[in-house]
Amino acid sequence: MVGPRFGIPTPAGTPFEAIGEYPSGAWFHGVMFIATQRKVHPTDGETILSIAFPLLMALAALVITQLVLTRRSPS
């Protein structure tokens, strides 16, 4: 939730921010402060990407963890 102006690399203000401006601006016609300043108008595809990417990364983390744990314990 830290904005890009603080100098900390985060997905804030990009399509990879799941609760950011892309879903709220494209689907719900919400206010887009950062994207408007950068003259970005998100499409439906970018909005789907912004929601699907974090979900897929969480799923990948769960699958990798499950694979590692099943290889460690021979039960």
PDB file of N, CA and C in Angstrom:
ATOM      1  N   MET A   1       0.812  -1.194   0.000  1.00  0.00           N
ATOM      2  CA  MET A   1       0.000   0.000   0.000  1.00  0.00           C
ATOM      3  C   MET A   1       0.855   1.258   0.000  1.00  0.00           C
ATOM      4  N   VAL A   2       2.153   1.116  -0.203  1.00  0.00           N
ATOM      5  CA  VAL A   2       3.051   2.259  -0.258  1.00  0.00           C
ATOM      6  C   VAL A   2       3.114   2.745  -1.707  1.00  0.00           C
ATOM      7  N   GLY A   3       2.931   4.030  -1.910  1.00  0.00           N
ATOM      8  CA  GLY A   3       2.958   4.590  -3.247  1.00  0.00           C
ATOM      9  C   GLY A   3       4.350   4.607  -3.858  1.00  0.00           C
ATOM     10  N   PRO A   4       4.447   4.731  -5.182  1.00  0.00           N
ATOM     11  CA  PRO A   4       5.742   4.702  -5.847  1.00  0.00           C
ATOM     12  C   PRO A   4       6.645   5.899  -5.531  1.00  0.00           C
ATOM     13  N   ARG A   5       6.099   6.971  -5.026  1.00  0.00           N
ATOM     14  CA  ARG A   5       6.920   8.159  -4.777  1.00  0.00           C
ATOM     15  C   ARG A   5       7.844   8.009  -3.566  1.00  0.00           C
ATOM     16  N   PHE A   6       7.678   6.951  -2.753  1.00  0.00           N
ATOM     17  CA  PHE A   6       8.509   6.752  -1.573  1.00  0.00           C
ATOM     18  C   PHE A   6       9.837   6.086  -1.892  1.00  0.00           C
ATOM     19  N   GLY A   7      10.018   5.594  -3.098  1.00  0.00           N
ATOM     20  CA  GLY A   7      11.284   5.000  -3.494  1.00  0.00           C
ATOM     21  C   GLY A   7      11.447   3.539  -3.139  1.00  0.00           C
ATOM     22  N   ILE A   8      10.431   2.940  -2.536  1.00  0.00           N
ATOM     23  CA  ILE A   8      10.472   1.516  -2.208  1.00  0.00           C
ATOM     24  C   ILE A   8       9.844   0.762  -3.378  1.00  0.00           C
ATOM     25  N   PRO A   9      10.539  -0.214  -3.955  1.00  0.00           N
ATOM     26  CA  PRO A   9       9.944  -0.927  -5.095  1.00  0.00           C
ATOM     27  C   PRO A   9       8.751  -1.780  -4.663  1.00  0.00           C
ATOM     28  N   THR A  10       7.586  -1.397  -5.112  1.00  0.00           N
ATOM     29  CA  THR A  10       6.347  -2.115  -4.823  1.00  0.00           C
ATOM     30  C   THR A  10       5.527  -2.183  -6.105  1.00  0.00           C
ATOM     31  N   PRO A  11       4.518  -3.032  -6.140  1.00  0.00           N
ATOM     32  CA  PRO A  11       3.651  -3.067  -7.316  1.00  0.00           C
ATOM     33  C   PRO A  11       2.614  -1.939  -7.337  1.00  0.00           C
ATOM     34  N   ALA A  12       2.713  -0.983  -6.435  1.00  0.00           N
ATOM     35  CA  ALA A  12       1.743   0.111  -6.370  1.00  0.00           C
ATOM     36  C   ALA A  12       1.739   0.909  -7.662  1.00  0.00           C
ATOM     37  N   GLY A  13       0.553   1.154  -8.175  1.00  0.00           N
ATOM     38  CA  GLY A  13       0.395   1.929  -9.389  1.00  0.00           C
ATOM     39  C   GLY A  13       0.653   1.142 -10.657  1.00  0.00           C
ATOM     40  N   THR A  14       0.764  -0.182 -10.555  1.00  0.00           N
ATOM     41  CA  THR A  14       0.978  -1.032 -11.724  1.00  0.00           C
ATOM     42  C   THR A  14      -0.195  -2.000 -11.842  1.00  0.00           C
ATOM     43  N   PRO A  15      -0.296  -2.707 -12.968  1.00  0.00           N
ATOM     44  CA  PRO A  15      -1.379  -3.694 -13.083  1.00  0.00           C
ATOM     45  C   PRO A  15      -1.241  -4.867 -12.123  1.00  0.00           C
ATOM     46  N   PHE A  16      -0.103  -5.027 -11.459  1.00  0.00           N
ATOM     47  CA  PHE A  16       0.102  -6.146 -10.552  1.00  0.00           C
ATOM     48  C   PHE A  16      -0.374  -5.864  -9.133  1.00  0.00           C
ATOM     49  N   GLU A  17      -1.002  -4.764  -8.912  1.00  0.00           N
ATOM     50  CA  GLU A  17      -1.546  -4.421  -7.592  1.00  0.00           C
ATOM     51  C   GLU A  17      -3.020  -4.823  -7.566  1.00  0.00           C
ATOM     52  N   ALA A  18      -3.320  -5.875  -6.821  1.00  0.00           N
ATOM     53  CA  ALA A  18      -4.665  -6.469  -6.868  1.00  0.00           C
ATOM     54  C   ALA A  18      -5.764  -5.554  -6.337  1.00  0.00           C
ATOM     55  N   ILE A  19      -5.460  -4.727  -5.370  1.00  0.00           N
ATOM     56  CA  ILE A  19      -6.507  -3.876  -4.808  1.00  0.00           C
ATOM     57  C   ILE A  19      -6.285  -2.414  -5.191  1.00  0.00           C
ATOM     58  N   GLY A  20      -5.649  -2.206  -6.297  1.00  0.00           N
ATOM     59  CA  GLY A  20      -5.268  -0.858  -6.699  1.00  0.00           C
ATOM     60  C   GLY A  20      -6.257  -0.182  -7.620  1.00  0.00           C
ATOM     61  N   GLU A  21      -5.721   0.727  -8.389  1.00  0.00           N
ATOM     62  CA  GLU A  21      -6.550   1.567  -9.234  1.00  0.00           C
ATOM     63  C   GLU A  21      -7.071   0.866 -10.477  1.00  0.00           C
ATOM     64  N   TYR A  22      -6.380  -0.133 -10.958  1.00  0.00           N
ATOM     65  CA  TYR A  22      -6.813  -0.772 -12.191  1.00  0.00           C
ATOM     66  C   TYR A  22      -8.186  -1.439 -12.050  1.00  0.00           C
ATOM     67  N   PRO A  23      -8.406  -2.306 -11.039  1.00  0.00           N
ATOM     68  CA  PRO A  23      -9.753  -2.871 -10.917  1.00  0.00           C
ATOM     69  C   PRO A  23     -10.809  -1.829 -10.571  1.00  0.00           C
ATOM     70  N   SER A  24     -10.497  -0.931  -9.664  1.00  0.00           N
ATOM     71  CA  SER A  24     -11.510   0.047  -9.255  1.00  0.00           C
ATOM     72  C   SER A  24     -11.806   1.052 -10.361  1.00  0.00           C
ATOM     73  N   GLY A  25     -10.791   1.409 -11.133  1.00  0.00           N
ATOM     74  CA  GLY A  25     -11.009   2.387 -12.191  1.00  0.00           C
ATOM     75  C   GLY A  25     -11.661   1.813 -13.426  1.00  0.00           C
ATOM     76  N   ALA A  26     -11.261   0.608 -13.824  1.00  0.00           N
ATOM     77  CA  ALA A  26     -11.780   0.036 -15.060  1.00  0.00           C
ATOM     78  C   ALA A  26     -13.173  -0.555 -14.889  1.00  0.00           C
ATOM     79  N   TRP A  27     -13.395  -1.285 -13.802  1.00  0.00           N
ATOM     80  CA  TRP A  27     -14.683  -1.952 -13.642  1.00  0.00           C
ATOM     81  C   TRP A  27     -15.694  -1.134 -12.865  1.00  0.00           C
ATOM     82  N   PHE A  28     -15.247  -0.413 -11.862  1.00  0.00           N
ATOM     83  CA  PHE A  28     -16.185   0.285 -10.992  1.00  0.00           C
ATOM     84  C   PHE A  28     -16.174   1.799 -11.197  1.00  0.00           C
ATOM     85  N   HIS A  29     -15.423   2.261 -12.178  1.00  0.00           N
ATOM     86  CA  HIS A  29     -15.326   3.688 -12.507  1.00  0.00           C
ATOM     87  C   HIS A  29     -14.948   4.531 -11.298  1.00  0.00           C
ATOM     88  N   GLY A  30     -13.998   3.999 -10.521  1.00  0.00           N
ATOM     89  CA  GLY A  30     -13.511   4.709  -9.348  1.00  0.00           C
ATOM     90  C   GLY A  30     -12.487   5.767  -9.721  1.00  0.00           C
ATOM     91  N   VAL A  31     -12.029   6.492  -8.740  1.00  0.00           N
ATOM     92  CA  VAL A  31     -11.050   7.554  -8.954  1.00  0.00           C
ATOM     93  C   VAL A  31      -9.667   6.944  -9.123  1.00  0.00           C
ATOM     94  N   MET A  32      -8.950   7.378 -10.135  1.00  0.00           N
ATOM     95  CA  MET A  32      -7.622   6.855 -10.434  1.00  0.00           C
ATOM     96  C   MET A  32      -6.619   8.003 -10.353  1.00  0.00           C
ATOM     97  N   PHE A  33      -6.037   8.205  -9.182  1.00  0.00           N
ATOM     98  CA  PHE A  33      -5.138   9.333  -8.984  1.00  0.00           C
ATOM     99  C   PHE A  33      -3.808   9.140  -9.705  1.00  0.00           C
ATOM    100  N   ILE A  34      -3.102   8.050  -9.425  1.00  0.00           N
ATOM    101  CA  ILE A  34      -1.771   7.836  -9.987  1.00  0.00           C
ATOM    102  C   ILE A  34      -1.845   7.562 -11.482  1.00  0.00           C
ATOM    103  N   ALA A  35      -2.789   6.729 -11.884  1.00  0.00           N
ATOM    104  CA  ALA A  35      -2.907   6.384 -13.301  1.00  0.00           C
ATOM    105  C   ALA A  35      -3.293   7.609 -14.135  1.00  0.00           C
ATOM    106  N   THR A  36      -4.120   8.461 -13.611  1.00  0.00           N
ATOM    107  CA  THR A  36      -4.508   9.665 -14.347  1.00  0.00           C
ATOM    108  C   THR A  36      -3.323  10.602 -14.519  1.00  0.00           C
ATOM    109  N   GLN A  37      -2.483  10.703 -13.510  1.00  0.00           N
ATOM    110  CA  GLN A  37      -1.292  11.551 -13.625  1.00  0.00           C
ATOM    111  C   GLN A  37      -0.337  11.010 -14.685  1.00  0.00           C
ATOM    112  N   ARG A  38      -0.277   9.673 -14.823  1.00  0.00           N
ATOM    113  CA  ARG A  38       0.599   9.052 -15.821  1.00  0.00           C
ATOM    114  C   ARG A  38      -0.097   8.890 -17.160  1.00  0.00           C
ATOM    115  N   LYS A  39      -1.321   9.358 -17.280  1.00  0.00           N
ATOM    116  CA  LYS A  39      -2.130   9.284 -18.497  1.00  0.00           C
ATOM    117  C   LYS A  39      -2.354   7.836 -18.938  1.00  0.00           C
ATOM    118  N   VAL A  40      -2.689   6.975 -17.955  1.00  0.00           N
ATOM    119  CA  VAL A  40      -2.966   5.566 -18.208  1.00  0.00           C
ATOM    120  C   VAL A  40      -4.459   5.327 -18.063  1.00  0.00           C
ATOM    121  N   HIS A  41      -5.036   4.621 -19.024  1.00  0.00           N
ATOM    122  CA  HIS A  41      -6.445   4.253 -18.970  1.00  0.00           C
ATOM    123  C   HIS A  41      -6.520   2.735 -19.083  1.00  0.00           C
ATOM    124  N   PRO A  42      -6.726   2.039 -17.955  1.00  0.00           N
ATOM    125  CA  PRO A  42      -6.682   0.584 -17.977  1.00  0.00           C
ATOM    126  C   PRO A  42      -7.832  -0.033 -18.765  1.00  0.00           C
ATOM    127  N   THR A  43      -7.517  -1.134 -19.425  1.00  0.00           N
ATOM    128  CA  THR A  43      -8.516  -1.893 -20.160  1.00  0.00           C
ATOM    129  C   THR A  43      -9.006  -3.050 -19.286  1.00  0.00           C
ATOM    130  N   ASP A  44      -9.985  -3.768 -19.793  1.00  0.00           N
ATOM    131  CA  ASP A  44     -10.485  -4.924 -19.048  1.00  0.00           C
ATOM    132  C   ASP A  44      -9.411  -6.002 -18.915  1.00  0.00           C
ATOM    133  N   GLY A  45      -8.576  -6.164 -19.922  1.00  0.00           N
ATOM    134  CA  GLY A  45      -7.506  -7.159 -19.853  1.00  0.00           C
ATOM    135  C   GLY A  45      -6.498  -6.847 -18.761  1.00  0.00           C
ATOM    136  N   GLU A  46      -6.126  -5.593 -18.631  1.00  0.00           N
ATOM    137  CA  GLU A  46      -5.195  -5.193 -17.568  1.00  0.00           C
ATOM    138  C   GLU A  46      -5.835  -5.367 -16.193  1.00  0.00           C
ATOM    139  N   THR A  47      -7.129  -5.154 -16.123  1.00  0.00           N
ATOM    140  CA  THR A  47      -7.833  -5.327 -14.864  1.00  0.00           C
ATOM    141  C   THR A  47      -7.864  -6.798 -14.464  1.00  0.00           C
ATOM    142  N   ILE A  48      -8.138  -7.675 -15.412  1.00  0.00           N
ATOM    143  CA  ILE A  48      -8.129  -9.114 -15.132  1.00  0.00           C
ATOM    144  C   ILE A  48      -6.732  -9.558 -14.727  1.00  0.00           C
ATOM    145  N   LEU A  49      -5.718  -9.035 -15.419  1.00  0.00           N
ATOM    146  CA  LEU A  49      -4.330  -9.355 -15.066  1.00  0.00           C
ATOM    147  C   LEU A  49      -4.018  -8.919 -13.644  1.00  0.00           C
ATOM    148  N   SER A  50      -4.498  -7.764 -13.251  1.00  0.00           N
ATOM    149  CA  SER A  50      -4.179  -7.244 -11.929  1.00  0.00           C
ATOM    150  C   SER A  50      -4.823  -8.062 -10.818  1.00  0.00           C
ATOM    151  N   ILE A  51      -5.896  -8.759 -11.117  1.00  0.00           N
ATOM    152  CA  ILE A  51      -6.523  -9.612 -10.119  1.00  0.00           C
ATOM    153  C   ILE A  51      -5.971 -11.035 -10.195  1.00  0.00           C
ATOM    154  N   ALA A  52      -5.729 -11.529 -11.396  1.00  0.00           N
ATOM    155  CA  ALA A  52      -5.287 -12.915 -11.578  1.00  0.00           C
ATOM    156  C   ALA A  52      -3.834 -13.134 -11.182  1.00  0.00           C
ATOM    157  N   PHE A  53      -2.971 -12.176 -11.417  1.00  0.00           N
ATOM    158  CA  PHE A  53      -1.545 -12.362 -11.138  1.00  0.00           C
ATOM    159  C   PHE A  53      -1.256 -12.662  -9.666  1.00  0.00           C
ATOM    160  N   PRO A  54      -1.740 -11.867  -8.708  1.00  0.00           N
ATOM    161  CA  PRO A  54      -1.485 -12.220  -7.302  1.00  0.00           C
ATOM    162  C   PRO A  54      -2.113 -13.555  -6.897  1.00  0.00           C
ATOM    163  N   LEU A  55      -3.277 -13.873  -7.451  1.00  0.00           N
ATOM    164  CA  LEU A  55      -3.891 -15.161  -7.130  1.00  0.00           C
ATOM    165  C   LEU A  55      -3.059 -16.323  -7.662  1.00  0.00           C
ATOM    166  N   LEU A  56      -2.542 -16.191  -8.875  1.00  0.00           N
ATOM    167  CA  LEU A  56      -1.694 -17.241  -9.441  1.00  0.00           C
ATOM    168  C   LEU A  56      -0.374 -17.367  -8.684  1.00  0.00           C
ATOM    169  N   MET A  57       0.184 -16.272  -8.225  1.00  0.00           N
ATOM    170  CA  MET A  57       1.420 -16.332  -7.450  1.00  0.00           C
ATOM    171  C   MET A  57       1.186 -17.004  -6.092  1.00  0.00           C
ATOM    172  N   ALA A  58       0.046 -16.742  -5.483  1.00  0.00           N
ATOM    173  CA  ALA A  58      -0.279 -17.400  -4.214  1.00  0.00           C
ATOM    174  C   ALA A  58      -0.495 -18.897  -4.435  1.00  0.00           C
ATOM    175  N   LEU A  59      -1.154 -19.259  -5.516  1.00  0.00           N
ATOM    176  CA  LEU A  59      -1.351 -20.666  -5.838  1.00  0.00           C
ATOM    177  C   LEU A  59      -0.019 -21.356  -6.104  1.00  0.00           C
ATOM    178  N   ALA A  60       0.878 -20.695  -6.819  1.00  0.00           N
ATOM    179  CA  ALA A  60       2.201 -21.253  -7.084  1.00  0.00           C
ATOM    180  C   ALA A  60       2.972 -21.467  -5.784  1.00  0.00           C
ATOM    181  N   ALA A  61       2.885 -20.533  -4.857  1.00  0.00           N
ATOM    182  CA  ALA A  61       3.567 -20.681  -3.562  1.00  0.00           C
ATOM    183  C   ALA A  61       3.015 -21.872  -2.791  1.00  0.00           C
ATOM    184  N   LEU A  62       1.709 -22.065  -2.818  1.00  0.00           N
ATOM    185  CA  LEU A  62       1.110 -23.203  -2.133  1.00  0.00           C
ATOM    186  C   LEU A  62       1.523 -24.530  -2.769  1.00  0.00           C
ATOM    187  N   VAL A  63       1.539 -24.584  -4.079  1.00  0.00           N
ATOM    188  CA  VAL A  63       1.924 -25.817  -4.779  1.00  0.00           C
ATOM    189  C   VAL A  63       3.390 -26.147  -4.522  1.00  0.00           C
ATOM    190  N   ILE A  64       4.255 -25.161  -4.594  1.00  0.00           N
ATOM    191  CA  ILE A  64       5.686 -25.395  -4.343  1.00  0.00           C
ATOM    192  C   ILE A  64       5.913 -25.844  -2.902  1.00  0.00           C
ATOM    193  N   THR A  65       5.230 -25.219  -1.963  1.00  0.00           N
ATOM    194  CA  THR A  65       5.350 -25.621  -0.561  1.00  0.00           C
ATOM    195  C   THR A  65       4.881 -27.057  -0.362  1.00  0.00           C
ATOM    196  N   GLN A  66       3.782 -27.416  -0.994  1.00  0.00           N
ATOM    197  CA  GLN A  66       3.274 -28.781  -0.880  1.00  0.00           C
ATOM    198  C   GLN A  66       4.265 -29.787  -1.470  1.00  0.00           C
ATOM    199  N   LEU A  67       4.864 -29.463  -2.607  1.00  0.00           N
ATOM    200  CA  LEU A  67       5.852 -30.356  -3.217  1.00  0.00           C
ATOM    201  C   LEU A  67       7.081 -30.531  -2.326  1.00  0.00           C
ATOM    202  N   VAL A  68       7.550 -29.459  -1.749  1.00  0.00           N
ATOM    203  CA  VAL A  68       8.730 -29.526  -0.878  1.00  0.00           C
ATOM    204  C   VAL A  68       8.414 -30.347   0.369  1.00  0.00           C
ATOM    205  N   LEU A  69       7.267 -30.135   0.961  1.00  0.00           N
ATOM    206  CA  LEU A  69       6.915 -30.864   2.182  1.00  0.00           C
ATOM    207  C   LEU A  69       6.677 -32.352   1.910  1.00  0.00           C
ATOM    208  N   THR A  70       6.116 -32.710   0.773  1.00  0.00           N
ATOM    209  CA  THR A  70       5.893 -34.123   0.488  1.00  0.00           C
ATOM    210  C   THR A  70       7.210 -34.853   0.178  1.00  0.00           C
ATOM    211  N   ARG A  71       8.186 -34.164  -0.342  1.00  0.00           N
ATOM    212  CA  ARG A  71       9.480 -34.800  -0.603  1.00  0.00           C
ATOM    213  C   ARG A  71      10.291 -34.962   0.674  1.00  0.00           C
ATOM    214  N   ARG A  72      10.082 -34.104   1.651  1.00  0.00           N
ATOM    215  CA  ARG A  72      10.839 -34.188   2.909  1.00  0.00           C
ATOM    216  C   ARG A  72      10.338 -35.300   3.815  1.00  0.00           C
ATOM    217  N   SER A  73       9.033 -35.478   3.894  1.00  0.00           N
ATOM    218  CA  SER A  73       8.504 -36.482   4.810  1.00  0.00           C
ATOM    219  C   SER A  73       8.016 -37.702   4.003  1.00  0.00           C
ATOM    220  N   PRO A  74       8.620 -38.875   4.231  1.00  0.00           N
ATOM    221  CA  PRO A  74       8.259 -40.065   3.461  1.00  0.00           C
ATOM    222  C   PRO A  74       7.043 -40.803   4.019  1.00  0.00           C
ATOM    223  N   SER A  75       6.011 -40.093   4.426  1.00  0.00           N
ATOM    224  CA  SER A  75       4.852 -40.778   5.013  1.00  0.00           C
ATOM    225  C   SER A  75       3.771 -41.077   4.037  1.00  0.00           C
TER     226      SER A  75
END
